[in-house]
Amino acid sequence: LEPEFDFMFFGSNAIFEKVKHLEVTRIVWNTYKSYITLSLSDVCQKCVDAVIDAYKQQRGGDKVVIVMVALSNFAKKCEAVLSNLPEKDKNRVERGMAISVDQM
């Protein structure tokens, strides 16, 4: 592992036969941006769900195993985005409302 790594994504071979590594990375970051206001574990779950959806869209039919591990950089990015939100957005997040975040 390198210090600058953000996450590790493990999956059975079937996943990576249908969804290439770079596509998984793109899906994770796009999902991260969409769900940044959730808890870290919920963001990771949304990322895994999005990769499974991409797998199914590629007609993947095998049962698959996926694990996403958020490393400290990923957690720090989540925290940094949330701490830098304008006050009006922080209030919306506290009430469970969606906001638009494009800080990546």
C-alpha atoms as a PDB file:
ATOM      1  CA  LEU A   1       0.000   0.000   0.000  1.00  0.00           C
ATOM      2  CA  GLU A   2       1.097   3.514  -0.751  1.00  0.00           C
ATOM      3  CA  PRO A   3       0.298   6.411   1.605  1.00  0.00           C
ATOM      4  CA  GLU A   4      -1.664   8.237  -1.101  1.00  0.00           C
ATOM      5  CA  PHE A   5      -4.083   5.342  -1.732  1.00  0.00           C
ATOM      6  CA  ASP A   6      -7.716   6.164  -0.952  1.00  0.00           C
ATOM      7  CA  PHE A   7      -9.419   2.783  -0.975  1.00  0.00           C
ATOM      8  CA  MET A   8      -9.051  -0.877  -1.827  1.00  0.00           C
ATOM      9  CA  PHE A   9     -11.719  -2.715  -3.760  1.00  0.00           C
ATOM     10  CA  PHE A  10     -11.730  -6.504  -3.708  1.00  0.00           C
ATOM     11  CA  GLY A  11     -14.006  -8.593  -5.868  1.00  0.00           C
ATOM     12  CA  SER A  12     -14.340 -12.032  -7.305  1.00  0.00           C
ATOM     13  CA  ASN A  13     -12.961 -12.569 -10.799  1.00  0.00           C
ATOM     14  CA  ALA A  14     -16.413 -12.324 -12.362  1.00  0.00           C
ATOM     15  CA  ILE A  15     -16.669  -8.647 -11.398  1.00  0.00           C
ATOM     16  CA  PHE A  16     -13.417  -7.680 -13.062  1.00  0.00           C
ATOM     17  CA  GLU A  17     -14.180  -9.732 -16.169  1.00  0.00           C
ATOM     18  CA  LYS A  18     -17.212  -7.493 -16.786  1.00  0.00           C
ATOM     19  CA  VAL A  19     -16.234  -4.201 -15.115  1.00  0.00           C
ATOM     20  CA  LYS A  20     -12.637  -3.139 -15.664  1.00  0.00           C
ATOM     21  CA  HIS A  21     -10.488  -1.753 -12.847  1.00  0.00           C
ATOM     22  CA  LEU A  22     -10.525   1.827 -14.157  1.00  0.00           C
ATOM     23  CA  GLU A  23     -14.305   1.696 -14.504  1.00  0.00           C
ATOM     24  CA  VAL A  24     -14.608   0.523 -10.891  1.00  0.00           C
ATOM     25  CA  THR A  25     -12.478   3.496  -9.839  1.00  0.00           C
ATOM     26  CA  ARG A  26     -14.648   5.898 -11.855  1.00  0.00           C
ATOM     27  CA  ILE A  27     -17.823   4.404 -10.371  1.00  0.00           C
ATOM     28  CA  VAL A  28     -16.477   4.701  -6.826  1.00  0.00           C
ATOM     29  CA  TRP A  29     -15.534   8.382  -7.212  1.00  0.00           C
ATOM     30  CA  ASN A  30     -18.788   9.310  -8.950  1.00  0.00           C
ATOM     31  CA  THR A  31     -20.769   7.518  -6.252  1.00  0.00           C
ATOM     32  CA  TYR A  32     -18.672   9.164  -3.562  1.00  0.00           C
ATOM     33  CA  LYS A  33     -19.565  12.589  -4.974  1.00  0.00           C
ATOM     34  CA  SER A  34     -23.255  11.715  -5.054  1.00  0.00           C
ATOM     35  CA  TYR A  35     -23.455  10.417  -1.480  1.00  0.00           C
ATOM     36  CA  ILE A  36     -20.758  12.381   0.353  1.00  0.00           C
ATOM     37  CA  THR A  37     -23.217  13.526   3.014  1.00  0.00           C
ATOM     38  CA  LEU A  38     -23.811   9.968   4.227  1.00  0.00           C
ATOM     39  CA  SER A  39     -21.694   8.205   6.814  1.00  0.00           C
ATOM     40  CA  LEU A  40     -18.454   6.690   5.560  1.00  0.00           C
ATOM     41  CA  SER A  41     -19.833   3.147   5.837  1.00  0.00           C
ATOM     42  CA  ASP A  42     -22.975   4.150   3.916  1.00  0.00           C
ATOM     43  CA  VAL A  43     -20.884   5.814   1.192  1.00  0.00           C
ATOM     44  CA  CYS A  44     -18.870   2.601   0.846  1.00  0.00           C
ATOM     45  CA  GLN A  45     -22.084   0.549   0.646  1.00  0.00           C
ATOM     46  CA  LYS A  46     -23.398   2.843  -2.109  1.00  0.00           C
ATOM     47  CA  CYS A  47     -20.104   2.411  -3.980  1.00  0.00           C
ATOM     48  CA  VAL A  48     -20.339  -1.386  -3.765  1.00  0.00           C
ATOM     49  CA  ASP A  49     -23.990  -1.271  -4.878  1.00  0.00           C
ATOM     50  CA  ALA A  50     -23.060   0.914  -7.863  1.00  0.00           C
ATOM     51  CA  VAL A  51     -20.342  -1.527  -8.974  1.00  0.00           C
ATOM     52  CA  ILE A  52     -22.792  -4.431  -8.653  1.00  0.00           C
ATOM     53  CA  ASP A  53     -25.260  -2.485 -10.803  1.00  0.00           C
ATOM     54  CA  ALA A  54     -22.554  -1.929 -13.437  1.00  0.00           C
ATOM     55  CA  TYR A  55     -21.772  -5.643 -13.328  1.00  0.00           C
ATOM     56  CA  LYS A  56     -25.436  -6.534 -13.875  1.00  0.00           C
ATOM     57  CA  GLN A  57     -25.673  -4.061 -16.775  1.00  0.00           C
ATOM     58  CA  GLN A  58     -22.819  -5.961 -18.441  1.00  0.00           C
ATOM     59  CA  ARG A  59     -24.939  -9.109 -18.179  1.00  0.00           C
ATOM     60  CA  GLY A  60     -22.931 -10.490 -15.318  1.00  0.00           C
ATOM     61  CA  GLY A  61     -24.836 -13.444 -13.989  1.00  0.00           C
ATOM     62  CA  ASP A  62     -22.479 -15.100 -11.548  1.00  0.00           C
ATOM     63  CA  LYS A  63     -22.769 -14.526  -7.845  1.00  0.00           C
ATOM     64  CA  VAL A  64     -20.021 -12.165  -6.807  1.00  0.00           C
ATOM     65  CA  VAL A  65     -18.196 -11.137  -3.665  1.00  0.00           C
ATOM     66  CA  ILE A  66     -17.171  -7.507  -3.231  1.00  0.00           C
ATOM     67  CA  VAL A  67     -15.437  -5.730  -0.365  1.00  0.00           C
ATOM     68  CA  MET A  68     -14.503  -2.050  -0.301  1.00  0.00           C
ATOM     69  CA  VAL A  69     -12.034  -0.846   2.304  1.00  0.00           C
ATOM     70  CA  ALA A  70     -11.874   2.919   2.811  1.00  0.00           C
ATOM     71  CA  LEU A  71      -8.370   3.935   3.789  1.00  0.00           C
ATOM     72  CA  SER A  72      -7.556   7.000   5.846  1.00  0.00           C
ATOM     73  CA  ASN A  73      -7.217   9.258   2.767  1.00  0.00           C
ATOM     74  CA  PHE A  74     -10.754   8.391   1.658  1.00  0.00           C
ATOM     75  CA  ALA A  75     -12.102   9.130   5.134  1.00  0.00           C
ATOM     76  CA  LYS A  76     -10.141  12.389   5.298  1.00  0.00           C
ATOM     77  CA  LYS A  77     -11.560  13.489   1.933  1.00  0.00           C
ATOM     78  CA  CYS A  78     -15.088  12.793   3.163  1.00  0.00           C
ATOM     79  CA  GLU A  79     -14.461  14.743   6.363  1.00  0.00           C
ATOM     80  CA  ALA A  80     -12.794  17.633   4.517  1.00  0.00           C
ATOM     81  CA  VAL A  81     -15.682  18.049   2.108  1.00  0.00           C
ATOM     82  CA  LEU A  82     -18.215  18.022   4.924  1.00  0.00           C
ATOM     83  CA  SER A  83     -16.243  20.433   7.101  1.00  0.00           C
ATOM     84  CA  ASN A  84     -15.883  22.923   4.229  1.00  0.00           C
ATOM     85  CA  LEU A  85     -19.555  23.055   3.345  1.00  0.00           C
ATOM     86  CA  PRO A  86     -21.305  26.424   3.567  1.00  0.00           C
ATOM     87  CA  GLU A  87     -23.455  26.765   6.689  1.00  0.00           C
ATOM     88  CA  LYS A  88     -26.724  26.471   4.715  1.00  0.00           C
ATOM     89  CA  ASP A  89     -25.575  23.134   3.286  1.00  0.00           C
ATOM     90  CA  LYS A  90     -24.425  21.877   6.694  1.00  0.00           C
ATOM     91  CA  ASN A  91     -27.938  22.537   7.986  1.00  0.00           C
ATOM     92  CA  ARG A  92     -29.427  20.654   5.042  1.00  0.00           C
ATOM     93  CA  VAL A  93     -27.116  17.693   5.670  1.00  0.00           C
ATOM     94  CA  GLU A  94     -28.070  17.624   9.358  1.00  0.00           C
ATOM     95  CA  ARG A  95     -31.737  17.423   8.317  1.00  0.00           C
ATOM     96  CA  GLY A  96     -30.910  14.568   5.911  1.00  0.00           C
ATOM     97  CA  MET A  97     -31.473  16.624   2.776  1.00  0.00           C
ATOM     98  CA  ALA A  98     -29.451  16.194  -0.408  1.00  0.00           C
ATOM     99  CA  ILE A  99     -26.911  18.738  -1.516  1.00  0.00           C
ATOM    100  CA  SER A 100     -24.729  19.072  -4.592  1.00  0.00           C
ATOM    101  CA  VAL A 101     -21.043  18.552  -3.929  1.00  0.00           C
ATOM    102  CA  ASP A 102     -18.429  18.920  -6.648  1.00  0.00           C
ATOM    103  CA  GLN A 103     -15.130  19.300  -4.854  1.00  0.00           C
ATOM    104  CA  MET A 104     -13.199  16.464  -6.473  1.00  0.00           C
END
